[in-house]
N, C-alpha and C. Protein backbone atom coordinates (compact mmCIF):
# COMPACT_ATOMS: atom_id res chain seq x y z
N UNK A 1 -132.67 158.25 292.84
CA UNK A 1 -133.12 157.66 291.58
C UNK A 1 -132.16 156.55 291.18
N UNK A 2 -132.73 155.44 290.76
CA UNK A 2 -131.90 154.32 290.31
C UNK A 2 -132.11 154.10 288.81
N UNK A 3 -131.02 153.87 288.11
CA UNK A 3 -131.09 153.61 286.67
C UNK A 3 -130.49 152.25 286.38
N UNK A 4 -131.29 151.37 285.79
CA UNK A 4 -130.79 150.11 285.25
C UNK A 4 -130.47 150.33 283.78
N UNK A 5 -129.26 149.99 283.37
CA UNK A 5 -128.86 150.15 281.98
C UNK A 5 -128.69 148.78 281.36
N UNK A 6 -129.58 148.46 280.45
CA UNK A 6 -129.49 147.18 279.73
C UNK A 6 -128.63 147.42 278.50
N UNK A 7 -127.52 146.68 278.41
CA UNK A 7 -126.59 146.96 277.32
C UNK A 7 -125.73 145.75 277.00
N UNK A 8 -125.03 145.85 275.88
CA UNK A 8 -124.02 144.86 275.53
C UNK A 8 -122.73 145.60 275.22
N UNK A 9 -121.61 145.03 275.62
CA UNK A 9 -120.33 145.73 275.49
C UNK A 9 -119.78 145.71 274.08
N UNK A 10 -120.44 145.02 273.15
CA UNK A 10 -120.01 145.13 271.75
C UNK A 10 -120.98 146.00 270.95
N UNK A 11 -121.84 146.71 271.65
CA UNK A 11 -122.79 147.62 270.99
C UNK A 11 -122.20 149.03 271.01
N UNK A 12 -121.82 149.58 269.86
CA UNK A 12 -121.23 150.93 269.88
C UNK A 12 -122.19 151.99 270.37
N UNK A 13 -123.48 151.81 270.09
CA UNK A 13 -124.47 152.79 270.56
C UNK A 13 -124.60 152.75 272.08
N UNK A 14 -124.31 151.61 272.70
CA UNK A 14 -124.31 151.54 274.16
C UNK A 14 -123.18 152.39 274.73
N UNK A 15 -122.03 152.36 274.09
CA UNK A 15 -120.90 153.19 274.51
C UNK A 15 -121.27 154.67 274.37
N UNK A 16 -121.84 155.02 273.24
CA UNK A 16 -122.27 156.41 273.01
C UNK A 16 -123.35 156.79 274.02
N UNK A 17 -124.31 155.88 274.24
CA UNK A 17 -125.38 156.15 275.19
C UNK A 17 -124.86 156.36 276.60
N UNK A 18 -123.85 155.60 276.98
CA UNK A 18 -123.23 155.77 278.30
C UNK A 18 -122.68 157.17 278.46
N UNK A 19 -121.97 157.65 277.46
CA UNK A 19 -121.38 158.98 277.53
C UNK A 19 -122.48 160.06 277.55
N UNK A 20 -123.55 159.85 276.79
CA UNK A 20 -124.62 160.84 276.76
C UNK A 20 -125.39 160.88 278.08
N UNK A 21 -125.60 159.71 278.69
CA UNK A 21 -126.23 159.71 280.00
C UNK A 21 -125.35 160.44 281.01
N UNK A 22 -124.06 160.23 280.94
CA UNK A 22 -123.14 160.92 281.84
C UNK A 22 -123.28 162.43 281.69
N UNK A 23 -123.37 162.90 280.46
CA UNK A 23 -123.54 164.34 280.23
C UNK A 23 -124.87 164.83 280.80
N UNK A 24 -125.93 164.01 280.63
CA UNK A 24 -127.23 164.40 281.17
C UNK A 24 -127.17 164.53 282.69
N UNK A 25 -126.51 163.58 283.35
CA UNK A 25 -126.42 163.61 284.81
C UNK A 25 -125.54 164.76 285.29
N UNK A 26 -124.53 165.10 284.50
CA UNK A 26 -123.69 166.24 284.86
C UNK A 26 -124.49 167.54 284.85
N UNK A 27 -125.48 167.60 283.96
CA UNK A 27 -126.32 168.80 283.88
C UNK A 27 -127.42 168.81 284.94
N UNK A 28 -127.62 167.66 285.60
CA UNK A 28 -128.57 167.57 286.71
C UNK A 28 -127.83 167.08 287.95
N UNK A 29 -126.83 167.84 288.30
CA UNK A 29 -125.93 167.42 289.38
C UNK A 29 -126.63 167.31 290.73
N UNK A 30 -127.80 167.89 290.85
CA UNK A 30 -128.52 167.82 292.13
C UNK A 30 -129.15 166.46 292.37
N UNK A 31 -129.22 165.62 291.33
CA UNK A 31 -129.85 164.32 291.47
C UNK A 31 -128.92 163.32 292.17
N UNK A 32 -129.49 162.55 293.06
CA UNK A 32 -128.76 161.44 293.68
C UNK A 32 -129.09 160.18 292.87
N UNK A 33 -128.11 159.66 292.15
CA UNK A 33 -128.36 158.59 291.19
C UNK A 33 -127.45 157.40 291.44
N UNK A 34 -128.02 156.21 291.40
CA UNK A 34 -127.25 154.97 291.41
C UNK A 34 -127.54 154.24 290.10
N UNK A 35 -126.58 153.45 289.66
CA UNK A 35 -126.69 152.78 288.36
C UNK A 35 -126.33 151.30 288.50
N UNK A 36 -127.11 150.46 287.84
CA UNK A 36 -126.76 149.04 287.72
C UNK A 36 -126.74 148.67 286.25
N UNK A 37 -125.64 148.05 285.82
CA UNK A 37 -125.52 147.59 284.44
C UNK A 37 -126.11 146.20 284.32
N UNK A 38 -127.04 146.02 283.38
CA UNK A 38 -127.72 144.75 283.18
C UNK A 38 -127.28 144.12 281.85
N UNK A 39 -127.05 142.83 281.87
CA UNK A 39 -126.51 142.13 280.71
C UNK A 39 -127.55 141.90 279.62
N UNK A 40 -127.11 142.09 278.39
CA UNK A 40 -127.88 141.74 277.20
C UNK A 40 -126.88 141.28 276.16
N UNK A 41 -127.21 140.22 275.44
CA UNK A 41 -126.31 139.73 274.39
C UNK A 41 -126.93 139.94 273.02
N UNK A 42 -126.31 140.78 272.24
CA UNK A 42 -126.79 141.00 270.87
C UNK A 42 -126.67 139.73 270.04
N UNK A 43 -125.66 138.92 270.37
CA UNK A 43 -125.43 137.67 269.64
C UNK A 43 -125.39 136.50 270.62
N UNK A 44 -126.54 136.10 271.15
CA UNK A 44 -126.55 135.06 272.17
C UNK A 44 -126.05 133.71 271.68
N UNK A 45 -126.06 133.48 270.38
CA UNK A 45 -125.61 132.21 269.84
C UNK A 45 -124.16 132.24 269.35
N UNK A 46 -123.47 133.33 269.67
CA UNK A 46 -122.07 133.45 269.26
C UNK A 46 -121.25 132.33 269.90
N UNK A 47 -120.39 131.65 269.14
CA UNK A 47 -119.51 130.63 269.74
C UNK A 47 -118.70 131.20 270.89
N UNK A 48 -118.36 130.38 271.85
CA UNK A 48 -117.64 130.84 273.04
C UNK A 48 -116.38 131.59 272.67
N UNK A 49 -115.69 131.15 271.65
CA UNK A 49 -114.46 131.81 271.24
C UNK A 49 -114.64 132.96 270.28
N UNK A 50 -115.90 133.32 270.01
CA UNK A 50 -116.16 134.40 269.07
C UNK A 50 -115.95 133.96 267.64
N UNK A 51 -115.84 134.93 266.74
CA UNK A 51 -115.60 134.62 265.34
C UNK A 51 -114.83 135.75 264.68
N UNK A 52 -114.19 135.44 263.58
CA UNK A 52 -113.41 136.45 262.87
C UNK A 52 -114.30 137.62 262.49
N UNK A 53 -113.78 138.81 262.69
CA UNK A 53 -114.57 140.02 262.44
C UNK A 53 -115.07 140.08 260.99
N UNK A 54 -114.22 139.70 260.05
CA UNK A 54 -114.61 139.75 258.65
C UNK A 54 -115.81 138.84 258.37
N UNK A 55 -115.81 137.66 259.00
CA UNK A 55 -116.93 136.73 258.82
C UNK A 55 -118.20 137.28 259.45
N UNK A 56 -118.05 137.93 260.60
CA UNK A 56 -119.21 138.51 261.29
C UNK A 56 -119.83 139.62 260.46
N UNK A 57 -118.99 140.49 259.92
CA UNK A 57 -119.48 141.60 259.11
C UNK A 57 -120.19 141.09 257.87
N UNK A 58 -119.62 140.07 257.25
CA UNK A 58 -120.24 139.49 256.05
C UNK A 58 -121.62 138.92 256.37
N UNK A 59 -121.73 138.25 257.52
CA UNK A 59 -123.00 137.64 257.91
C UNK A 59 -124.02 138.69 258.32
N UNK A 60 -123.58 139.74 258.99
CA UNK A 60 -124.50 140.75 259.54
C UNK A 60 -124.90 141.79 258.51
N UNK A 61 -123.94 142.25 257.70
CA UNK A 61 -124.19 143.37 256.80
C UNK A 61 -124.22 142.98 255.32
N UNK A 62 -123.69 141.81 255.00
CA UNK A 62 -123.71 141.37 253.62
C UNK A 62 -122.56 141.88 252.78
N UNK A 63 -122.05 143.07 253.10
CA UNK A 63 -120.93 143.61 252.33
C UNK A 63 -120.15 144.59 253.19
N UNK A 64 -118.86 144.70 252.90
CA UNK A 64 -118.03 145.64 253.65
C UNK A 64 -118.41 147.08 253.33
N UNK A 65 -118.94 147.32 252.14
CA UNK A 65 -119.35 148.67 251.76
C UNK A 65 -120.50 149.15 252.63
N UNK A 66 -121.50 148.28 252.81
CA UNK A 66 -122.63 148.62 253.67
C UNK A 66 -122.18 148.83 255.10
N UNK A 67 -121.31 147.95 255.58
CA UNK A 67 -120.80 148.07 256.94
C UNK A 67 -120.02 149.38 257.11
N UNK A 68 -119.24 149.74 256.11
CA UNK A 68 -118.43 150.96 256.20
C UNK A 68 -119.31 152.19 256.34
N UNK A 69 -120.44 152.22 255.64
CA UNK A 69 -121.36 153.36 255.75
C UNK A 69 -121.93 153.47 257.17
N UNK A 70 -122.32 152.32 257.72
CA UNK A 70 -122.88 152.31 259.07
C UNK A 70 -121.83 152.74 260.09
N UNK A 71 -120.63 152.19 259.95
CA UNK A 71 -119.58 152.50 260.92
C UNK A 71 -119.11 153.95 260.80
N UNK A 72 -119.20 154.52 259.62
CA UNK A 72 -118.83 155.93 259.45
C UNK A 72 -119.79 156.81 260.25
N UNK A 73 -121.08 156.48 260.21
CA UNK A 73 -122.06 157.26 260.97
C UNK A 73 -121.84 157.10 262.47
N UNK A 74 -121.51 155.88 262.90
CA UNK A 74 -121.25 155.64 264.32
C UNK A 74 -119.99 156.39 264.76
N UNK A 75 -118.95 156.37 263.91
CA UNK A 75 -117.71 157.05 264.23
C UNK A 75 -117.94 158.55 264.40
N UNK A 76 -118.78 159.11 263.53
CA UNK A 76 -119.09 160.54 263.62
C UNK A 76 -119.83 160.85 264.93
N UNK A 77 -120.81 160.01 265.26
CA UNK A 77 -121.55 160.21 266.51
C UNK A 77 -120.62 160.04 267.72
N UNK A 78 -119.73 159.07 267.64
CA UNK A 78 -118.81 158.84 268.74
C UNK A 78 -117.85 160.00 268.95
N UNK A 79 -117.42 160.62 267.87
CA UNK A 79 -116.49 161.74 267.99
C UNK A 79 -117.09 162.86 268.82
N UNK A 80 -118.41 163.02 268.72
CA UNK A 80 -119.09 164.05 269.50
C UNK A 80 -119.13 163.73 270.98
N UNK A 81 -118.83 162.49 271.34
CA UNK A 81 -118.80 162.07 272.75
C UNK A 81 -117.38 161.73 273.19
N UNK A 82 -116.40 162.19 272.42
CA UNK A 82 -114.99 161.96 272.74
C UNK A 82 -114.63 160.47 272.73
N UNK A 83 -115.26 159.73 271.80
CA UNK A 83 -114.95 158.32 271.60
C UNK A 83 -114.23 158.18 270.27
N UNK A 84 -113.08 157.55 270.27
CA UNK A 84 -112.32 157.35 269.03
C UNK A 84 -112.52 155.92 268.55
N UNK A 85 -113.66 155.68 267.90
CA UNK A 85 -113.92 154.33 267.39
C UNK A 85 -112.84 153.94 266.37
N UNK A 86 -112.33 152.73 266.51
CA UNK A 86 -111.31 152.22 265.60
C UNK A 86 -111.73 150.82 265.17
N UNK A 87 -112.79 150.76 264.37
CA UNK A 87 -113.35 149.47 263.97
C UNK A 87 -112.35 148.62 263.20
N UNK A 88 -111.40 149.27 262.53
CA UNK A 88 -110.41 148.52 261.75
C UNK A 88 -109.46 147.72 262.65
N UNK A 89 -109.39 148.06 263.93
CA UNK A 89 -108.51 147.34 264.85
C UNK A 89 -109.15 146.05 265.38
N UNK A 90 -110.46 145.94 265.24
CA UNK A 90 -111.16 144.78 265.80
C UNK A 90 -110.99 143.59 264.87
N UNK A 91 -110.39 142.53 265.36
CA UNK A 91 -110.13 141.34 264.55
C UNK A 91 -111.11 140.21 264.83
N UNK A 92 -111.70 140.22 266.02
CA UNK A 92 -112.68 139.18 266.37
C UNK A 92 -113.90 139.82 267.02
N UNK A 93 -115.07 139.28 266.69
CA UNK A 93 -116.30 139.65 267.39
C UNK A 93 -116.50 138.61 268.48
N UNK A 94 -116.51 139.03 269.74
CA UNK A 94 -116.50 138.04 270.83
C UNK A 94 -117.88 137.62 271.29
N UNK A 95 -117.91 136.51 271.99
CA UNK A 95 -119.04 136.19 272.85
C UNK A 95 -118.85 137.06 274.10
N UNK A 96 -119.91 137.72 274.56
CA UNK A 96 -119.75 138.71 275.62
C UNK A 96 -120.12 138.20 277.02
N UNK A 97 -120.37 136.90 277.15
CA UNK A 97 -120.79 136.40 278.47
C UNK A 97 -119.76 136.71 279.55
N UNK A 98 -118.49 136.45 279.26
CA UNK A 98 -117.47 136.65 280.29
C UNK A 98 -117.26 138.13 280.59
N UNK A 99 -117.41 138.98 279.59
CA UNK A 99 -117.32 140.42 279.84
C UNK A 99 -118.44 140.87 280.77
N UNK A 100 -119.65 140.33 280.56
CA UNK A 100 -120.76 140.65 281.47
C UNK A 100 -120.51 140.09 282.86
N UNK A 101 -119.86 138.92 282.94
CA UNK A 101 -119.51 138.35 284.24
C UNK A 101 -118.52 139.26 284.97
N UNK A 102 -117.58 139.82 284.23
CA UNK A 102 -116.63 140.75 284.84
C UNK A 102 -117.37 141.97 285.39
N UNK A 103 -118.34 142.46 284.65
CA UNK A 103 -119.11 143.62 285.10
C UNK A 103 -119.89 143.27 286.38
N UNK A 104 -120.41 142.04 286.46
CA UNK A 104 -121.10 141.61 287.68
C UNK A 104 -120.11 141.58 288.85
N UNK A 105 -118.91 141.12 288.60
CA UNK A 105 -117.88 141.10 289.64
C UNK A 105 -117.63 142.53 290.15
N UNK A 106 -117.46 143.46 289.22
CA UNK A 106 -117.21 144.85 289.61
C UNK A 106 -118.42 145.44 290.33
N UNK A 107 -119.63 145.06 289.92
CA UNK A 107 -120.84 145.54 290.59
C UNK A 107 -120.84 145.09 292.04
N UNK A 108 -120.46 143.84 292.28
CA UNK A 108 -120.43 143.31 293.64
C UNK A 108 -119.39 144.03 294.50
N UNK A 109 -118.37 144.59 293.86
CA UNK A 109 -117.34 145.33 294.60
C UNK A 109 -117.78 146.76 294.89
N UNK A 110 -118.90 147.18 294.28
CA UNK A 110 -119.45 148.49 294.63
C UNK A 110 -119.50 149.52 293.53
N UNK A 111 -118.77 149.33 292.42
CA UNK A 111 -118.80 150.34 291.36
C UNK A 111 -118.33 149.73 290.05
N UNK A 112 -119.27 149.44 289.16
CA UNK A 112 -118.92 148.79 287.90
C UNK A 112 -118.53 149.79 286.82
N UNK A 113 -118.86 151.06 287.00
CA UNK A 113 -118.71 152.02 285.91
C UNK A 113 -117.29 152.08 285.33
N UNK A 114 -116.23 152.14 286.15
CA UNK A 114 -114.89 152.19 285.57
C UNK A 114 -114.57 150.96 284.72
N UNK A 115 -115.04 149.78 285.13
CA UNK A 115 -114.79 148.57 284.36
C UNK A 115 -115.58 148.59 283.06
N UNK A 116 -116.84 149.01 283.13
CA UNK A 116 -117.66 149.11 281.91
C UNK A 116 -116.98 150.04 280.91
N UNK A 117 -116.55 151.18 281.38
CA UNK A 117 -115.86 152.15 280.52
C UNK A 117 -114.59 151.53 279.93
N UNK A 118 -113.83 150.83 280.76
CA UNK A 118 -112.59 150.23 280.30
C UNK A 118 -112.81 149.14 279.27
N UNK A 119 -113.86 148.34 279.44
CA UNK A 119 -114.17 147.29 278.48
C UNK A 119 -114.59 147.89 277.15
N UNK A 120 -115.45 148.89 277.20
CA UNK A 120 -115.85 149.58 275.96
C UNK A 120 -114.61 150.13 275.23
N UNK A 121 -113.76 150.80 275.94
CA UNK A 121 -112.59 151.42 275.31
C UNK A 121 -111.63 150.35 274.78
N UNK A 122 -111.46 149.29 275.54
CA UNK A 122 -110.55 148.23 275.09
C UNK A 122 -111.01 147.64 273.77
N UNK A 123 -112.31 147.45 273.63
CA UNK A 123 -112.84 146.84 272.42
C UNK A 123 -112.90 147.82 271.26
N UNK A 124 -113.50 148.96 271.49
CA UNK A 124 -113.79 149.87 270.37
C UNK A 124 -112.63 150.79 270.00
N UNK A 125 -111.77 151.11 270.94
CA UNK A 125 -110.67 152.01 270.62
C UNK A 125 -109.34 151.27 270.43
N UNK A 126 -109.17 150.15 271.15
CA UNK A 126 -107.90 149.42 271.09
C UNK A 126 -107.99 148.11 270.31
N UNK A 127 -109.22 147.65 270.03
CA UNK A 127 -109.38 146.41 269.27
C UNK A 127 -108.99 145.16 270.04
N UNK A 128 -109.05 145.20 271.37
CA UNK A 128 -108.68 144.02 272.16
C UNK A 128 -109.83 143.01 272.18
N UNK A 129 -109.49 141.75 272.34
CA UNK A 129 -110.47 140.67 272.32
C UNK A 129 -111.09 140.52 273.70
N UNK A 130 -112.24 141.16 273.92
CA UNK A 130 -112.87 141.13 275.23
C UNK A 130 -113.67 139.85 275.47
N UNK A 131 -113.53 138.88 274.59
CA UNK A 131 -114.06 137.55 274.84
C UNK A 131 -113.03 136.65 275.50
N UNK A 132 -111.79 137.12 275.59
CA UNK A 132 -110.68 136.36 276.15
C UNK A 132 -110.57 136.70 277.63
N UNK A 133 -110.65 135.68 278.50
CA UNK A 133 -110.63 135.94 279.94
C UNK A 133 -109.29 136.51 280.40
N UNK A 134 -108.22 136.20 279.68
CA UNK A 134 -106.92 136.78 280.03
C UNK A 134 -106.94 138.29 279.79
N UNK A 135 -107.49 138.68 278.66
CA UNK A 135 -107.62 140.11 278.34
C UNK A 135 -108.53 140.79 279.36
N UNK A 136 -109.63 140.15 279.71
CA UNK A 136 -110.55 140.73 280.68
C UNK A 136 -109.89 140.91 282.05
N UNK A 137 -109.09 139.93 282.46
CA UNK A 137 -108.37 140.07 283.74
C UNK A 137 -107.38 141.23 283.67
N UNK A 138 -106.74 141.40 282.53
CA UNK A 138 -105.83 142.53 282.34
C UNK A 138 -106.58 143.86 282.46
N UNK A 139 -107.75 143.93 281.82
CA UNK A 139 -108.55 145.15 281.87
C UNK A 139 -108.96 145.46 283.30
N UNK A 140 -109.35 144.42 284.04
CA UNK A 140 -109.74 144.62 285.44
C UNK A 140 -108.57 145.15 286.26
N UNK A 141 -107.39 144.58 286.03
CA UNK A 141 -106.20 145.02 286.76
C UNK A 141 -105.89 146.48 286.43
N UNK A 142 -106.05 146.84 285.17
CA UNK A 142 -105.82 148.23 284.75
C UNK A 142 -106.84 149.17 285.37
N UNK A 143 -107.99 148.62 285.79
CA UNK A 143 -109.04 149.42 286.41
C UNK A 143 -108.92 149.44 287.93
N UNK A 144 -107.86 148.83 288.46
CA UNK A 144 -107.61 148.89 289.89
C UNK A 144 -107.97 147.65 290.68
N UNK A 145 -108.40 146.59 289.99
CA UNK A 145 -108.75 145.35 290.69
C UNK A 145 -107.54 144.42 290.78
N UNK A 146 -107.61 143.52 291.75
CA UNK A 146 -106.53 142.55 291.93
C UNK A 146 -106.67 141.48 290.86
N UNK A 147 -105.66 141.39 290.01
CA UNK A 147 -105.78 140.57 288.81
C UNK A 147 -106.04 139.11 289.13
N UNK A 148 -105.34 138.54 290.11
CA UNK A 148 -105.49 137.12 290.40
C UNK A 148 -106.91 136.79 290.85
N UNK A 149 -107.50 137.66 291.65
CA UNK A 149 -108.87 137.43 292.13
C UNK A 149 -109.85 137.44 290.96
N UNK A 150 -109.67 138.37 290.04
CA UNK A 150 -110.55 138.44 288.87
C UNK A 150 -110.35 137.23 287.98
N UNK A 151 -109.09 136.84 287.77
CA UNK A 151 -108.80 135.68 286.94
C UNK A 151 -109.44 134.42 287.51
N UNK A 152 -109.41 134.28 288.83
CA UNK A 152 -110.04 133.12 289.47
C UNK A 152 -111.55 133.14 289.24
N UNK A 153 -112.15 134.31 289.36
CA UNK A 153 -113.59 134.47 289.12
C UNK A 153 -113.95 134.06 287.69
N UNK A 154 -113.18 134.55 286.75
CA UNK A 154 -113.47 134.30 285.34
C UNK A 154 -113.16 132.87 284.93
N UNK A 155 -112.28 132.19 285.67
CA UNK A 155 -111.89 130.82 285.32
C UNK A 155 -113.04 129.85 285.50
N UNK A 156 -113.95 130.16 286.38
CA UNK A 156 -115.12 129.31 286.60
C UNK A 156 -116.34 129.83 285.87
N UNK A 157 -117.49 129.61 286.47
CA UNK A 157 -118.74 130.09 285.87
C UNK A 157 -119.53 130.97 286.83
N UNK A 158 -118.83 131.56 287.80
CA UNK A 158 -119.49 132.45 288.75
C UNK A 158 -120.18 133.59 288.01
N UNK A 159 -121.42 133.83 288.39
CA UNK A 159 -122.16 134.93 287.80
C UNK A 159 -122.81 134.63 286.46
N UNK A 160 -122.52 133.46 285.88
CA UNK A 160 -123.05 133.16 284.55
C UNK A 160 -124.56 133.07 284.53
N UNK A 161 -125.14 132.37 285.50
CA UNK A 161 -126.60 132.23 285.51
C UNK A 161 -127.27 133.58 285.69
N UNK A 162 -126.68 134.45 286.48
CA UNK A 162 -127.23 135.78 286.67
C UNK A 162 -127.19 136.58 285.36
N UNK A 163 -126.09 136.47 284.64
CA UNK A 163 -125.96 137.15 283.34
C UNK A 163 -127.02 136.65 282.37
N UNK A 164 -127.15 135.33 282.27
CA UNK A 164 -128.15 134.76 281.36
C UNK A 164 -129.56 135.13 281.80
N UNK A 165 -129.77 135.19 283.12
CA UNK A 165 -131.07 135.56 283.64
C UNK A 165 -131.44 136.99 283.31
N UNK A 166 -130.46 137.90 283.39
CA UNK A 166 -130.73 139.29 283.03
C UNK A 166 -131.09 139.42 281.56
N UNK A 167 -130.40 138.67 280.72
CA UNK A 167 -130.71 138.69 279.30
C UNK A 167 -132.14 138.20 279.06
N UNK A 168 -132.51 137.10 279.69
CA UNK A 168 -133.87 136.57 279.54
C UNK A 168 -134.91 137.56 280.05
N UNK A 169 -134.63 138.19 281.18
CA UNK A 169 -135.58 139.14 281.75
C UNK A 169 -135.79 140.32 280.81
N UNK A 170 -134.71 140.80 280.21
CA UNK A 170 -134.82 141.92 279.28
C UNK A 170 -135.71 141.56 278.09
N UNK A 171 -135.52 140.37 277.57
CA UNK A 171 -136.32 139.95 276.41
C UNK A 171 -137.79 139.76 276.80
N UNK A 172 -138.04 139.28 278.02
CA UNK A 172 -139.43 139.16 278.48
C UNK A 172 -140.10 140.52 278.60
N UNK A 173 -139.31 141.54 278.90
CA UNK A 173 -139.85 142.90 278.98
C UNK A 173 -140.05 143.52 277.60
N UNK A 174 -139.67 142.79 276.56
CA UNK A 174 -139.82 143.30 275.21
C UNK A 174 -138.63 144.06 274.69
N UNK A 175 -137.53 144.02 275.42
CA UNK A 175 -136.32 144.71 274.97
C UNK A 175 -135.63 143.85 273.93
N UNK A 176 -135.47 144.39 272.74
CA UNK A 176 -134.82 143.65 271.66
C UNK A 176 -133.60 144.38 271.13
N UNK A 177 -133.43 145.61 271.57
CA UNK A 177 -132.28 146.41 271.17
C UNK A 177 -131.77 147.20 272.35
N UNK A 178 -130.50 147.54 272.32
CA UNK A 178 -129.88 148.26 273.43
C UNK A 178 -129.08 149.44 272.86
N UNK A 179 -128.85 150.46 273.73
CA UNK A 179 -129.10 150.49 275.17
C UNK A 179 -130.55 150.78 275.50
N UNK A 180 -130.94 150.36 276.70
CA UNK A 180 -132.24 150.71 277.25
C UNK A 180 -132.01 151.14 278.70
N UNK A 181 -132.51 152.32 279.03
CA UNK A 181 -132.33 152.90 280.36
C UNK A 181 -133.67 152.84 281.09
N UNK A 182 -133.69 152.18 282.24
CA UNK A 182 -134.92 152.02 283.02
C UNK A 182 -134.74 152.77 284.34
N UNK A 183 -135.59 153.77 284.55
CA UNK A 183 -135.48 154.64 285.71
C UNK A 183 -136.48 154.24 286.78
N UNK A 184 -135.96 153.94 287.96
CA UNK A 184 -136.78 153.55 289.10
C UNK A 184 -137.77 152.44 288.76
N UNK A 185 -137.40 151.59 287.85
CA UNK A 185 -138.20 150.42 287.52
C UNK A 185 -139.50 150.71 286.79
N UNK A 186 -139.77 152.00 286.47
CA UNK A 186 -141.05 152.30 285.87
C UNK A 186 -141.04 153.16 284.63
N UNK A 187 -139.93 153.80 284.35
CA UNK A 187 -139.83 154.67 283.19
C UNK A 187 -138.62 154.23 282.37
N UNK A 188 -138.76 154.22 281.06
CA UNK A 188 -137.64 153.75 280.25
C UNK A 188 -137.45 154.63 279.03
N UNK A 189 -136.22 154.61 278.55
CA UNK A 189 -135.87 155.31 277.33
C UNK A 189 -134.89 154.42 276.57
N UNK A 190 -135.16 154.22 275.30
CA UNK A 190 -134.34 153.32 274.48
C UNK A 190 -133.47 154.11 273.52
N UNK A 191 -132.31 153.55 273.25
CA UNK A 191 -131.41 154.15 272.28
C UNK A 191 -130.43 155.13 272.91
N UNK A 192 -129.42 155.50 272.13
CA UNK A 192 -128.38 156.42 272.59
C UNK A 192 -128.87 157.85 272.40
N UNK A 193 -129.80 158.25 273.25
CA UNK A 193 -130.44 159.55 273.10
C UNK A 193 -129.54 160.68 273.61
N UNK A 194 -129.76 161.86 273.04
CA UNK A 194 -129.05 163.05 273.51
C UNK A 194 -129.50 163.37 274.94
N UNK A 195 -128.67 164.09 275.70
CA UNK A 195 -128.98 164.36 277.11
C UNK A 195 -130.36 164.94 277.35
N UNK A 196 -130.82 165.84 276.48
CA UNK A 196 -132.10 166.50 276.73
C UNK A 196 -133.29 165.55 276.71
N UNK A 197 -133.12 164.38 276.11
CA UNK A 197 -134.20 163.40 276.11
C UNK A 197 -134.40 162.77 277.49
N UNK A 198 -133.37 162.80 278.32
CA UNK A 198 -133.47 162.22 279.66
C UNK A 198 -134.19 163.15 280.64
N UNK A 199 -134.12 164.45 280.40
CA UNK A 199 -134.60 165.39 281.40
C UNK A 199 -136.08 165.22 281.75
N UNK A 200 -136.99 165.03 280.78
CA UNK A 200 -138.39 164.82 281.17
C UNK A 200 -138.60 163.59 282.05
N UNK A 201 -137.82 162.52 281.80
CA UNK A 201 -137.94 161.33 282.64
C UNK A 201 -137.38 161.59 284.03
N UNK A 202 -136.28 162.32 284.11
CA UNK A 202 -135.76 162.69 285.42
C UNK A 202 -136.84 163.43 286.22
N UNK A 203 -137.54 164.34 285.54
CA UNK A 203 -138.58 165.12 286.21
C UNK A 203 -139.75 164.23 286.64
N UNK A 204 -140.13 163.30 285.79
CA UNK A 204 -141.22 162.38 286.16
C UNK A 204 -140.87 161.57 287.40
N UNK A 205 -139.65 161.07 287.43
CA UNK A 205 -139.22 160.27 288.58
C UNK A 205 -139.20 161.12 289.84
N UNK A 206 -138.68 162.33 289.73
CA UNK A 206 -138.62 163.21 290.89
C UNK A 206 -140.02 163.55 291.39
N UNK A 207 -140.93 163.86 290.47
CA UNK A 207 -142.29 164.22 290.86
C UNK A 207 -143.01 163.05 291.51
N UNK A 208 -142.79 161.84 290.95
CA UNK A 208 -143.44 160.66 291.53
C UNK A 208 -142.92 160.41 292.94
N UNK A 209 -141.65 160.68 293.16
CA UNK A 209 -141.06 160.43 294.48
C UNK A 209 -141.57 161.41 295.52
N UNK A 210 -142.01 162.59 295.10
CA UNK A 210 -142.46 163.60 296.06
C UNK A 210 -143.97 163.61 296.27
N UNK A 211 -144.70 162.78 295.51
CA UNK A 211 -146.15 162.72 295.68
C UNK A 211 -146.49 162.00 296.97
N UNK A 212 -147.44 162.53 297.74
CA UNK A 212 -147.82 161.85 298.98
C UNK A 212 -148.50 160.52 298.70
N UNK A 213 -148.28 159.57 299.58
CA UNK A 213 -148.91 158.25 299.45
C UNK A 213 -150.35 158.36 299.90
N UNK A 214 -151.28 157.84 299.07
CA UNK A 214 -152.72 157.95 299.40
C UNK A 214 -153.05 157.05 300.57
């Protein structure tokens, strides 16, 4: 079974959804599963250098009080998945193109999951600026990659068209919010659902795979 995960690395529900999918797969250990992370930008018009977090919150939520209520609910949900959200540490809301490019680099090396996890944690738990290619190269090095090779990749525009293409493809499919999990290209589930919501789709995919071809 293959799962495409459409997500953005500044989406807290995508981080929560990642952890919940992991729990679902742990409970279905008999499944042979591969995963590809697909790029989506919640803020496609974000300036390349990002913007001050306070300005972003004001534009998105209108008030810090409203934002605080939303983030409190996210923090509570994250605690249940062993995520220590620290929104107060985030000083800039980044453009995520380069972070998605890093994930494409890791995908080409054979396993993007550790880098995806590291980018989520760097942003949401440590408040690091994941729009900065220097920070991204550091995160890659901390995940076991050769820093100079990653820095060279990020210094250019390698993978950019693919990232933008994935975003366009998702929107053509009608995806307007993330995370979205697409199983074997034919079944999908949206949102950071609890593990039990995945099980019926796992069963559908398995049953479809075992049906004889007419």
